[in-house]
Full PDB file with SEQRES, HELIX, SHEET, SSBOND, CRYST1, ORIGX, SCALE, CONECT and MASTER records, all heavy atoms in Angstrom:
SEQRES   1 A   36  LYS LYS ILE TYR GLU THR ASP PRO TRP LEU GLU PRO PHE          
SEQRES   2 A   36  ARG THR ALA ILE ASP LYS ARG SER ALA SER ILE ARG ASP          
SEQRES   3 A   36  CYS GLU LYS LYS LEU ARG ARG ASP SER GLU                      
HELIX    1 AA1 ILE A    3  THR A    6  1                                   4    
HELIX    2 AA2 PRO A    8  PHE A   13  5                                   6    
HELIX    3 AA3 ARG A   14  ARG A   32  1                                  19    
CRYST1    1.000    1.000    1.000  90.00  90.00  90.00 P 1           1          
ORIGX1      1.000000  0.000000  0.000000        0.00000                         
ORIGX2      0.000000  1.000000  0.000000        0.00000                         
ORIGX3      0.000000  0.000000  1.000000        0.00000                         
SCALE1      1.000000  0.000000  0.000000        0.00000                         
SCALE2      0.000000  1.000000  0.000000        0.00000                         
SCALE3      0.000000  0.000000  1.000000        0.00000                         
ATOM      1  N   LYS A   1       3.342  15.485   2.083  1.00  0.00           N  
ATOM      2  CA  LYS A   1       4.187  14.832   1.085  1.00  0.00           C  
ATOM      3  C   LYS A   1       3.976  13.322   1.103  1.00  0.00           C  
ATOM      4  O   LYS A   1       3.772  12.717   2.151  1.00  0.00           O  
ATOM      5  CB  LYS A   1       5.661  15.140   1.352  1.00  0.00           C  
ATOM      6  CG  LYS A   1       6.078  16.552   0.973  1.00  0.00           C  
ATOM      7  CD  LYS A   1       7.590  16.701   1.037  1.00  0.00           C  
ATOM      8  CE  LYS A   1       8.015  18.079   0.519  1.00  0.00           C  
ATOM      9  NZ  LYS A   1       9.494  18.222   0.524  1.00  0.00           N  
ATOM     10  N   LYS A   2       4.038  12.722  -0.080  1.00  0.00           N  
ATOM     11  CA  LYS A   2       3.924  11.278  -0.207  1.00  0.00           C  
ATOM     12  C   LYS A   2       5.246  10.628   0.199  1.00  0.00           C  
ATOM     13  O   LYS A   2       6.306  11.251   0.138  1.00  0.00           O  
ATOM     14  CB  LYS A   2       3.575  10.887  -1.639  1.00  0.00           C  
ATOM     15  CG  LYS A   2       2.258  11.447  -2.130  1.00  0.00           C  
ATOM     16  CD  LYS A   2       1.091  10.784  -1.431  1.00  0.00           C  
ATOM     17  CE  LYS A   2      -0.229  11.222  -2.040  1.00  0.00           C  
ATOM     18  NZ  LYS A   2      -1.386  10.556  -1.407  1.00  0.00           N  
ATOM     19  N   ILE A   3       5.179   9.371   0.589  1.00  0.00           N  
ATOM     20  CA  ILE A   3       6.394   8.695   1.065  1.00  0.00           C  
ATOM     21  C   ILE A   3       7.423   8.551  -0.045  1.00  0.00           C  
ATOM     22  O   ILE A   3       8.627   8.495   0.237  1.00  0.00           O  
ATOM     23  CB  ILE A   3       6.069   7.318   1.677  1.00  0.00           C  
ATOM     24  CG1 ILE A   3       5.306   6.428   0.695  1.00  0.00           C  
ATOM     25  CG2 ILE A   3       5.270   7.476   2.961  1.00  0.00           C  
ATOM     26  CD1 ILE A   3       5.073   5.014   1.202  1.00  0.00           C  
ATOM     27  N   TYR A   4       7.001   8.541  -1.308  1.00  0.00           N  
ATOM     28  CA  TYR A   4       7.976   8.443  -2.397  1.00  0.00           C  
ATOM     29  C   TYR A   4       8.626   9.785  -2.704  1.00  0.00           C  
ATOM     30  O   TYR A   4       9.594   9.856  -3.447  1.00  0.00           O  
ATOM     31  CB  TYR A   4       7.347   7.844  -3.655  1.00  0.00           C  
ATOM     32  CG  TYR A   4       6.035   8.441  -4.090  1.00  0.00           C  
ATOM     33  CD1 TYR A   4       5.971   9.732  -4.641  1.00  0.00           C  
ATOM     34  CD2 TYR A   4       4.856   7.721  -3.988  1.00  0.00           C  
ATOM     35  CE1 TYR A   4       4.769  10.284  -5.047  1.00  0.00           C  
ATOM     36  CE2 TYR A   4       3.636   8.263  -4.394  1.00  0.00           C  
ATOM     37  CZ  TYR A   4       3.599   9.543  -4.924  1.00  0.00           C  
ATOM     38  OH  TYR A   4       2.407  10.081  -5.326  1.00  0.00           O  
ATOM     39  N   GLU A   5       8.092  10.859  -2.120  1.00  0.00           N  
ATOM     40  CA  GLU A   5       8.721  12.170  -2.276  1.00  0.00           C  
ATOM     41  C   GLU A   5       9.803  12.402  -1.228  1.00  0.00           C  
ATOM     42  O   GLU A   5      10.694  13.235  -1.428  1.00  0.00           O  
ATOM     43  CB  GLU A   5       7.665  13.268  -2.177  1.00  0.00           C  
ATOM     44  CG  GLU A   5       6.654  13.251  -3.307  1.00  0.00           C  
ATOM     45  CD  GLU A   5       5.570  14.299  -3.138  1.00  0.00           C  
ATOM     46  OE1 GLU A   5       4.967  14.380  -2.047  1.00  0.00           O  
ATOM     47  OE2 GLU A   5       5.330  15.048  -4.102  1.00  0.00           O  
ATOM     48  N   THR A   6       9.722  11.690  -0.119  1.00  0.00           N  
ATOM     49  CA  THR A   6      10.728  11.834   0.936  1.00  0.00           C  
ATOM     50  C   THR A   6      11.761  10.713   0.905  1.00  0.00           C  
ATOM     51  O   THR A   6      12.805  10.815   1.541  1.00  0.00           O  
ATOM     52  CB  THR A   6      10.044  11.851   2.320  1.00  0.00           C  
ATOM     53  OG1 THR A   6       9.263  10.672   2.475  1.00  0.00           O  
ATOM     54  CG2 THR A   6       9.139  13.070   2.450  1.00  0.00           C  
ATOM     55  N   ASP A   7      11.463   9.640   0.183  1.00  0.00           N  
ATOM     56  CA  ASP A   7      12.397   8.523   0.058  1.00  0.00           C  
ATOM     57  C   ASP A   7      12.602   8.227  -1.423  1.00  0.00           C  
ATOM     58  O   ASP A   7      11.750   7.619  -2.071  1.00  0.00           O  
ATOM     59  CB  ASP A   7      11.846   7.286   0.760  1.00  0.00           C  
ATOM     60  CG  ASP A   7      12.788   6.087   0.691  1.00  0.00           C  
ATOM     61  OD1 ASP A   7      13.840   6.184   0.013  1.00  0.00           O  
ATOM     62  OD2 ASP A   7      12.479   5.043   1.302  1.00  0.00           O  
ATOM     63  N   PRO A   8      13.740   8.657  -2.005  1.00  0.00           N  
ATOM     64  CA  PRO A   8      13.967   8.460  -3.445  1.00  0.00           C  
ATOM     65  C   PRO A   8      13.960   7.001  -3.873  1.00  0.00           C  
ATOM     66  O   PRO A   8      13.684   6.692  -5.031  1.00  0.00           O  
ATOM     67  CB  PRO A   8      15.340   9.105  -3.673  1.00  0.00           C  
ATOM     68  CG  PRO A   8      15.972   9.202  -2.323  1.00  0.00           C  
ATOM     69  CD  PRO A   8      14.868   9.351  -1.352  1.00  0.00           C  
ATOM     70  N   TRP A   9      14.239   6.078  -2.947  1.00  0.00           N  
ATOM     71  CA  TRP A   9      14.230   4.652  -3.292  1.00  0.00           C  
ATOM     72  C   TRP A   9      12.813   4.168  -3.608  1.00  0.00           C  
ATOM     73  O   TRP A   9      12.624   3.115  -4.229  1.00  0.00           O  
ATOM     74  CB  TRP A   9      14.804   3.827  -2.147  1.00  0.00           C  
ATOM     75  CG  TRP A   9      16.287   3.964  -1.999  1.00  0.00           C  
ATOM     76  CD1 TRP A   9      16.950   4.814  -1.165  1.00  0.00           C  
ATOM     77  CD2 TRP A   9      17.294   3.251  -2.710  1.00  0.00           C  
ATOM     78  NE1 TRP A   9      18.313   4.674  -1.305  1.00  0.00           N  
ATOM     79  CE2 TRP A   9      18.550   3.712  -2.248  1.00  0.00           C  
ATOM     80  CE3 TRP A   9      17.265   2.262  -3.698  1.00  0.00           C  
ATOM     81  CZ2 TRP A   9      19.760   3.219  -2.749  1.00  0.00           C  
ATOM     82  CZ3 TRP A   9      18.466   1.758  -4.189  1.00  0.00           C  
ATOM     83  CH2 TRP A   9      19.693   2.241  -3.720  1.00  0.00           C  
ATOM     84  N   LEU A  10      11.821   4.923  -3.161  1.00  0.00           N  
ATOM     85  CA  LEU A  10      10.431   4.539  -3.423  1.00  0.00           C  
ATOM     86  C   LEU A  10       9.864   5.169  -4.683  1.00  0.00           C  
ATOM     87  O   LEU A  10       8.766   4.810  -5.119  1.00  0.00           O  
ATOM     88  CB  LEU A  10       9.546   4.924  -2.227  1.00  0.00           C  
ATOM     89  CG  LEU A  10       9.761   4.135  -0.940  1.00  0.00           C  
ATOM     90  CD1 LEU A  10       8.879   4.678   0.178  1.00  0.00           C  
ATOM     91  CD2 LEU A  10       9.477   2.654  -1.162  1.00  0.00           C  
ATOM     92  N   GLU A  11      10.593   6.095  -5.299  1.00  0.00           N  
ATOM     93  CA  GLU A  11      10.101   6.761  -6.507  1.00  0.00           C  
ATOM     94  C   GLU A  11       9.712   5.776  -7.613  1.00  0.00           C  
ATOM     95  O   GLU A  11       8.662   5.955  -8.257  1.00  0.00           O  
ATOM     96  CB  GLU A  11      11.153   7.752  -7.019  1.00  0.00           C  
ATOM     97  CG  GLU A  11      10.787   8.428  -8.323  1.00  0.00           C  
ATOM     98  CD  GLU A  11       9.508   9.243  -8.241  1.00  0.00           C  
ATOM     99  OE1 GLU A  11       9.241   9.834  -7.173  1.00  0.00           O  
ATOM    100  OE2 GLU A  11       8.774   9.292  -9.254  1.00  0.00           O  
ATOM    101  N   PRO A  12      10.477   4.712  -7.851  1.00  0.00           N  
ATOM    102  CA  PRO A  12      10.073   3.762  -8.902  1.00  0.00           C  
ATOM    103  C   PRO A  12       8.745   3.062  -8.624  1.00  0.00           C  
ATOM    104  O   PRO A  12       8.170   2.461  -9.536  1.00  0.00           O  
ATOM    105  CB  PRO A  12      11.229   2.741  -8.910  1.00  0.00           C  
ATOM    106  CG  PRO A  12      12.388   3.460  -8.321  1.00  0.00           C  
ATOM    107  CD  PRO A  12      11.807   4.370  -7.295  1.00  0.00           C  
ATOM    108  N   PHE A  13       8.279   3.154  -7.390  1.00  0.00           N  
ATOM    109  CA  PHE A  13       7.049   2.460  -7.016  1.00  0.00           C  
ATOM    110  C   PHE A  13       5.902   3.449  -6.760  1.00  0.00           C  
ATOM    111  O   PHE A  13       4.918   3.121  -6.096  1.00  0.00           O  
ATOM    112  CB  PHE A  13       7.309   1.600  -5.775  1.00  0.00           C  
ATOM    113  CG  PHE A  13       8.482   0.663  -5.941  1.00  0.00           C  
ATOM    114  CD1 PHE A  13       9.721   0.978  -5.383  1.00  0.00           C  
ATOM    115  CD2 PHE A  13       8.368  -0.488  -6.693  1.00  0.00           C  
ATOM    116  CE1 PHE A  13      10.814   0.139  -5.551  1.00  0.00           C  
ATOM    117  CE2 PHE A  13       9.448  -1.344  -6.867  1.00  0.00           C  
ATOM    118  CZ  PHE A  13      10.673  -1.028  -6.303  1.00  0.00           C  
ATOM    119  N   ARG A  14       6.048   4.652  -7.303  1.00  0.00           N  
ATOM    120  CA  ARG A  14       5.037   5.701  -7.147  1.00  0.00           C  
ATOM    121  C   ARG A  14       3.652   5.200  -7.570  1.00  0.00           C  
ATOM    122  O   ARG A  14       2.663   5.379  -6.848  1.00  0.00           O  
ATOM    123  CB  ARG A  14       5.438   6.915  -7.980  1.00  0.00           C  
ATOM    124  CG  ARG A  14       4.359   7.987  -8.048  1.00  0.00           C  
ATOM    125  CD  ARG A  14       4.686   9.016  -9.126  1.00  0.00           C  
ATOM    126  NE  ARG A  14       5.796   9.862  -8.715  1.00  0.00           N  
ATOM    127  CZ  ARG A  14       5.672  11.107  -8.268  1.00  0.00           C  
ATOM    128  NH1 ARG A  14       4.455  11.641  -8.158  1.00  0.00           N  
ATOM    129  NH2 ARG A  14       6.714  11.823  -7.934  1.00  0.00           N  
ATOM    130  N   THR A  15       3.575   4.561  -8.724  1.00  0.00           N  
ATOM    131  CA  THR A  15       2.285   4.094  -9.235  1.00  0.00           C  
ATOM    132  C   THR A  15       1.657   3.066  -8.298  1.00  0.00           C  
ATOM    133  O   THR A  15       0.451   3.116  -8.006  1.00  0.00           O  
ATOM    134  CB  THR A  15       2.450   3.485 -10.643  1.00  0.00           C  
ATOM    135  OG1 THR A  15       2.984   4.481 -11.525  1.00  0.00           O  
ATOM    136  CG2 THR A  15       1.114   2.988 -11.176  1.00  0.00           C  
ATOM    137  N   ALA A  16       2.478   2.136  -7.795  1.00  0.00           N  
ATOM    138  CA  ALA A  16       1.972   1.099  -6.893  1.00  0.00           C  
ATOM    139  C   ALA A  16       1.488   1.705  -5.578  1.00  0.00           C  
ATOM    140  O   ALA A  16       0.460   1.283  -5.030  1.00  0.00           O  
ATOM    141  CB  ALA A  16       3.063   0.061  -6.631  1.00  0.00           C  
ATOM    142  N   ILE A  17       2.211   2.705  -5.075  1.00  0.00           N  
ATOM    143  CA  ILE A  17       1.826   3.348  -3.815  1.00  0.00           C  
ATOM    144  C   ILE A  17       0.544   4.145  -3.999  1.00  0.00           C  
ATOM    145  O   ILE A  17      -0.359   4.109  -3.147  1.00  0.00           O  
ATOM    146  CB  ILE A  17       2.973   4.233  -3.290  1.00  0.00           C  
ATOM    147  CG1 ILE A  17       4.165   3.347  -2.873  1.00  0.00           C  
ATOM    148  CG2 ILE A  17       2.505   5.089  -2.112  1.00  0.00           C  
ATOM    149  CD1 ILE A  17       5.436   4.116  -2.574  1.00  0.00           C  
ATOM    150  N   ASP A  18       0.424   4.868  -5.113  1.00  0.00           N  
ATOM    151  CA  ASP A  18      -0.801   5.611  -5.391  1.00  0.00           C  
ATOM    152  C   ASP A  18      -1.990   4.663  -5.563  1.00  0.00           C  
ATOM    153  O   ASP A  18      -3.110   4.966  -5.127  1.00  0.00           O  
ATOM    154  CB  ASP A  18      -0.632   6.479  -6.639  1.00  0.00           C  
ATOM    155  CG  ASP A  18       0.233   7.707  -6.393  1.00  0.00           C  
ATOM    156  OD1 ASP A  18       0.421   8.065  -5.211  1.00  0.00           O  
ATOM    157  OD2 ASP A  18       0.734   8.298  -7.372  1.00  0.00           O  
ATOM    158  N   LYS A  19      -1.738   3.536  -6.202  1.00  0.00           N  
ATOM    159  CA  LYS A  19      -2.799   2.541  -6.377  1.00  0.00           C  
ATOM    160  C   LYS A  19      -3.244   1.994  -5.017  1.00  0.00           C  
ATOM    161  O   LYS A  19      -4.436   1.779  -4.775  1.00  0.00           O  
ATOM    162  CB  LYS A  19      -2.299   1.404  -7.271  1.00  0.00           C  
ATOM    163  CG  LYS A  19      -3.347   0.353  -7.576  1.00  0.00           C  
ATOM    164  CD  LYS A  19      -2.784  -0.723  -8.495  1.00  0.00           C  
ATOM    165  CE  LYS A  19      -3.833  -1.807  -8.760  1.00  0.00           C  
ATOM    166  NZ  LYS A  19      -3.282  -2.885  -9.623  1.00  0.00           N  
ATOM    167  N   ARG A  20      -2.271   1.774  -4.123  1.00  0.00           N  
ATOM    168  CA  ARG A  20      -2.583   1.311  -2.770  1.00  0.00           C  
ATOM    169  C   ARG A  20      -3.455   2.331  -2.041  1.00  0.00           C  
ATOM    170  O   ARG A  20      -4.450   1.974  -1.405  1.00  0.00           O  
ATOM    171  CB  ARG A  20      -1.276   1.067  -1.999  1.00  0.00           C  
ATOM    172  CG  ARG A  20      -1.465   0.571  -0.585  1.00  0.00           C  
ATOM    173  CD  ARG A  20      -0.133   0.121   0.007  1.00  0.00           C  
ATOM    174  NE  ARG A  20       0.696   1.221   0.463  1.00  0.00           N  
ATOM    175  CZ  ARG A  20       1.927   1.089   0.970  1.00  0.00           C  
ATOM    176  NH1 ARG A  20       2.458  -0.122   1.055  1.00  0.00           N  
ATOM    177  NH2 ARG A  20       2.613   2.126   1.372  1.00  0.00           N  
ATOM    178  N   SER A  21      -3.107   3.597  -2.148  1.00  0.00           N  
ATOM    179  CA  SER A  21      -3.878   4.654  -1.487  1.00  0.00           C  
ATOM    180  C   SER A  21      -5.299   4.735  -2.043  1.00  0.00           C  
ATOM    181  O   SER A  21      -6.264   4.902  -1.283  1.00  0.00           O  
ATOM    182  CB  SER A  21      -3.181   6.005  -1.659  1.00  0.00           C  
ATOM    183  OG  SER A  21      -1.913   6.007  -1.033  1.00  0.00           O  
ATOM    184  N   ALA A  22      -5.434   4.602  -3.365  1.00  0.00           N  
ATOM    185  CA  ALA A  22      -6.755   4.665  -3.987  1.00  0.00           C  
ATOM    186  C   ALA A  22      -7.621   3.493  -3.544  1.00  0.00           C  
ATOM    187  O   ALA A  22      -8.827   3.646  -3.300  1.00  0.00           O  
ATOM    188  CB  ALA A  22      -6.611   4.682  -5.511  1.00  0.00           C  
ATOM    189  N   SER A  23      -7.004   2.327  -3.420  1.00  0.00           N  
ATOM    190  CA  SER A  23      -7.740   1.144  -2.976  1.00  0.00           C  
ATOM    191  C   SER A  23      -8.261   1.335  -1.560  1.00  0.00           C  
ATOM    192  O   SER A  23      -9.398   0.967  -1.252  1.00  0.00           O  
ATOM    193  CB  SER A  23      -6.842  -0.091  -3.054  1.00  0.00           C  
ATOM    194  OG  SER A  23      -7.514  -1.240  -2.597  1.00  0.00           O  
ATOM    195  N   ILE A  24      -7.442   1.926  -0.692  1.00  0.00           N  
ATOM    196  CA  ILE A  24      -7.861   2.176   0.703  1.00  0.00           C  
ATOM    197  C   ILE A  24      -9.032   3.152   0.732  1.00  0.00           C  
ATOM    198  O   ILE A  24     -10.020   2.940   1.442  1.00  0.00           O  
ATOM    199  CB  ILE A  24      -6.674   2.712   1.527  1.00  0.00           C  
ATOM    200  CG1 ILE A  24      -5.595   1.630   1.677  1.00  0.00           C  
ATOM    201  CG2 ILE A  24      -7.142   3.199   2.899  1.00  0.00           C  
ATOM    202  CD1 ILE A  24      -4.265   2.151   2.184  1.00  0.00           C  
ATOM    203  N   ARG A  25      -8.949   4.220  -0.061  1.00  0.00           N  
ATOM    204  CA  ARG A  25     -10.036   5.209  -0.104  1.00  0.00           C  
ATOM    205  C   ARG A  25     -11.335   4.583  -0.611  1.00  0.00           C  
ATOM    206  O   ARG A  25     -12.411   4.801  -0.051  1.00  0.00           O  
ATOM    207  CB  ARG A  25      -9.641   6.386  -1.000  1.00  0.00           C  
ATOM    208  CG  ARG A  25      -8.598   7.317  -0.422  1.00  0.00           C  
ATOM    209  CD  ARG A  25      -8.555   8.628  -1.187  1.00  0.00           C  
ATOM    210  NE  ARG A  25      -8.266   8.421  -2.606  1.00  0.00           N  
ATOM    211  CZ  ARG A  25      -7.041   8.372  -3.126  1.00  0.00           C  
ATOM    212  NH1 ARG A  25      -5.977   8.521  -2.331  1.00  0.00           N  
ATOM    213  NH2 ARG A  25      -6.860   8.199  -4.415  1.00  0.00           N  
ATOM    214  N   ASP A  26     -11.223   3.792  -1.684  1.00  0.00           N  
ATOM    215  CA  ASP A  26     -12.415   3.152  -2.248  1.00  0.00           C  
ATOM    216  C   ASP A  26     -13.037   2.174  -1.257  1.00  0.00           C  
ATOM    217  O   ASP A  26     -14.267   2.094  -1.135  1.00  0.00           O  
ATOM    218  CB  ASP A  26     -12.049   2.414  -3.543  1.00  0.00           C  
ATOM    219  CG  ASP A  26     -11.691   3.364  -4.677  1.00  0.00           C  
ATOM    220  OD1 ASP A  26     -12.003   4.569  -4.559  1.00  0.00           O  
ATOM    221  OD2 ASP A  26     -11.081   2.912  -5.667  1.00  0.00           O  
ATOM    222  N   CYS A  27     -12.184   1.439  -0.557  1.00  0.00           N  
ATOM    223  CA  CYS A  27     -12.670   0.463   0.410  1.00  0.00           C  
ATOM    224  C   CYS A  27     -13.372   1.157   1.575  1.00  0.00           C  
ATOM    225  O   CYS A  27     -14.429   0.704   2.027  1.00  0.00           O  
ATOM    226  CB  CYS A  27     -11.496  -0.383   0.909  1.00  0.00           C  
ATOM    227  SG  CYS A  27     -11.984  -1.839   1.835  1.00  0.00           S  
ATOM    228  N   GLU A  28     -12.804   2.258   2.045  1.00  0.00           N  
ATOM    229  CA  GLU A  28     -13.438   3.006   3.139  1.00  0.00           C  
ATOM    230  C   GLU A  28     -14.796   3.544   2.703  1.00  0.00           C  
ATOM    231  O   GLU A  28     -15.789   3.439   3.438  1.00  0.00           O  
ATOM    232  CB  GLU A  28     -12.547   4.164   3.589  1.00  0.00           C  
ATOM    233  CG  GLU A  28     -13.150   4.951   4.736  1.00  0.00           C  
ATOM    234  CD  GLU A  28     -12.374   6.213   5.078  1.00  0.00           C  
ATOM    235  OE1 GLU A  28     -11.454   6.581   4.320  1.00  0.00           O  
ATOM    236  OE2 GLU A  28     -12.716   6.841   6.099  1.00  0.00           O  
ATOM    237  N   LYS A  29     -14.860   4.099   1.500  1.00  0.00           N  
ATOM    238  CA  LYS A  29     -16.116   4.640   0.992  1.00  0.00           C  
ATOM    239  C   LYS A  29     -17.174   3.556   0.882  1.00  0.00           C  
ATOM    240  O   LYS A  29     -18.347   3.765   1.240  1.00  0.00           O  
ATOM    241  CB  LYS A  29     -15.871   5.283  -0.374  1.00  0.00           C  
ATOM    242  CG  LYS A  29     -17.096   5.952  -0.965  1.00  0.00           C  
ATOM    243  CD  LYS A  29     -16.770   6.603  -2.298  1.00  0.00           C  
ATOM    244  CE  LYS A  29     -18.002   7.260  -2.906  1.00  0.00           C  
ATOM    245  NZ  LYS A  29     -17.695   7.898  -4.221  1.00  0.00           N  
ATOM    246  N   LYS A  30     -16.765   2.370   0.425  1.00  0.00           N  
ATOM    247  CA  LYS A  30     -17.704   1.258   0.273  1.00  0.00           C  
ATOM    248  C   LYS A  30     -18.253   0.806   1.623  1.00  0.00           C  
ATOM    249  O   LYS A  30     -19.454   0.562   1.783  1.00  0.00           O  
ATOM    250  CB  LYS A  30     -17.008   0.097  -0.431  1.00  0.00           C  
ATOM    251  CG  LYS A  30     -17.902  -1.103  -0.685  1.00  0.00           C  
ATOM    252  CD  LYS A  30     -17.114  -2.231  -1.327  1.00  0.00           C  
ATOM    253  CE  LYS A  30     -17.989  -3.455  -1.554  1.00  0.00           C  
ATOM    254  NZ  LYS A  30     -17.192  -4.605  -2.063  1.00  0.00           N  
ATOM    255  N   LEU A  31     -17.377   0.712   2.635  1.00  0.00           N  
ATOM    256  CA  LEU A  31     -17.810   0.240   3.948  1.00  0.00           C  
ATOM    257  C   LEU A  31     -18.632   1.286   4.700  1.00  0.00           C  
ATOM    258  O   LEU A  31     -19.496   0.936   5.503  1.00  0.00           O  
ATOM    259  CB  LEU A  31     -16.601  -0.170   4.788  1.00  0.00           C  
ATOM    260  CG  LEU A  31     -15.835  -1.422   4.337  1.00  0.00           C  
ATOM    261  CD1 LEU A  31     -14.698  -1.711   5.299  1.00  0.00           C  
ATOM    262  CD2 LEU A  31     -16.743  -2.630   4.232  1.00  0.00           C  
ATOM    263  N   ARG A  32     -18.365   2.542   4.436  1.00  0.00           N  
ATOM    264  CA  ARG A  32     -19.122   3.596   5.117  1.00  0.00           C  
ATOM    265  C   ARG A  32     -20.576   3.618   4.679  1.00  0.00           C  
ATOM    266  O   ARG A  32     -21.457   4.001   5.441  1.00  0.00           O  
ATOM    267  CB  ARG A  32     -18.488   4.956   4.822  1.00  0.00           C  
ATOM    268  CG  ARG A  32     -17.258   5.265   5.650  1.00  0.00           C  
ATOM    269  CD  ARG A  32     -16.581   6.526   5.195  1.00  0.00           C  
ATOM    270  NE  ARG A  32     -17.485   7.678   5.152  1.00  0.00           N  
ATOM    271  CZ  ARG A  32     -17.110   8.885   4.746  1.00  0.00           C  
ATOM    272  NH1 ARG A  32     -15.862   9.086   4.337  1.00  0.00           N  
ATOM    273  NH2 ARG A  32     -17.965   9.876   4.745  1.00  0.00           N  
ATOM    274  N   ARG A  33     -20.840   3.213   3.439  1.00  0.00           N  
ATOM    275  CA  ARG A  33     -22.197   3.249   2.894  1.00  0.00           C  
ATOM    276  C   ARG A  33     -22.782   4.654   3.072  1.00  0.00           C  
ATOM    277  O   ARG A  33     -22.257   5.625   2.550  1.00  0.00           O  
ATOM    278  CB  ARG A  33     -23.065   2.179   3.561  1.00  0.00           C  
ATOM    279  CG  ARG A  33     -22.596   0.755   3.255  1.00  0.00           C  
ATOM    280  CD  ARG A  33     -23.411  -0.266   4.015  1.00  0.00           C  
ATOM    281  NE  ARG A  33     -22.931  -1.627   3.735  1.00  0.00           N  
ATOM    282  CZ  ARG A  33     -23.258  -2.686   4.445  1.00  0.00           C  
ATOM    283  NH1 ARG A  33     -24.059  -2.566   5.492  1.00  0.00           N  
ATOM    284  NH2 ARG A  33     -22.784  -3.875   4.132  1.00  0.00           N  
ATOM    285  N   ASP A  34     -23.847   4.766   3.832  1.00  0.00           N  
ATOM    286  CA  ASP A  34     -24.474   6.076   4.021  1.00  0.00           C  
ATOM    287  C   ASP A  34     -24.034   6.751   5.320  1.00  0.00           C  
ATOM    288  O   ASP A  34     -24.563   7.809   5.676  1.00  0.00           O  
ATOM    289  CB  ASP A  34     -26.003   5.929   4.032  1.00  0.00           C  
ATOM    290  CG  ASP A  34     -26.534   5.389   2.710  1.00  0.00           C  
ATOM    291  OD1 ASP A  34     -25.942   5.717   1.668  1.00  0.00           O  
ATOM    292  OD2 ASP A  34     -27.520   4.624   2.733  1.00  0.00           O  
ATOM    293  N   SER A  35     -23.094   6.145   6.014  1.00  0.00           N  
ATOM    294  CA  SER A  35     -22.636   6.708   7.293  1.00  0.00           C  
ATOM    295  C   SER A  35     -21.666   7.854   7.053  1.00  0.00           C  
ATOM    296  O   SER A  35     -20.989   7.916   6.022  1.00  0.00           O  
ATOM    297  CB  SER A  35     -21.958   5.619   8.133  1.00  0.00           C  
ATOM    298  OG  SER A  35     -22.838   4.545   8.372  1.00  0.00           O  
ATOM    299  N   GLU A  36     -21.577   8.744   8.034  1.00  0.00           N  
ATOM    300  CA  GLU A  36     -20.675   9.882   7.908  1.00  0.00           C  
ATOM    301  C   GLU A  36     -19.222   9.476   8.068  1.00  0.00           C  
ATOM    302  O   GLU A  36     -18.330  10.120   7.544  1.00  0.00           O  
ATOM    303  CB  GLU A  36     -21.034  10.952   8.940  1.00  0.00           C  
ATOM    304  CG  GLU A  36     -22.350  11.653   8.659  1.00  0.00           C  
ATOM    305  CD  GLU A  36     -22.557  12.851   9.568  1.00  0.00           C  
ATOM    306  OE1 GLU A  36     -21.587  13.251  10.249  1.00  0.00           O  
ATOM    307  OE2 GLU A  36     -23.677  13.383   9.590  1.00  0.00           O  
TER     308      GLU A  36                                                      
MASTER        0    0    0    3    0    0    0    6  307    1    0    3          
END                                                                             
């Protein structure tokens, strides 16, 4: 479960939290390059 699903006060910030998660994934993929 996402943190906005367990904390209703975070529901209004669902988009911002998802954007944060996507940025982390993209950054990890970029730094990994061809590494596993």
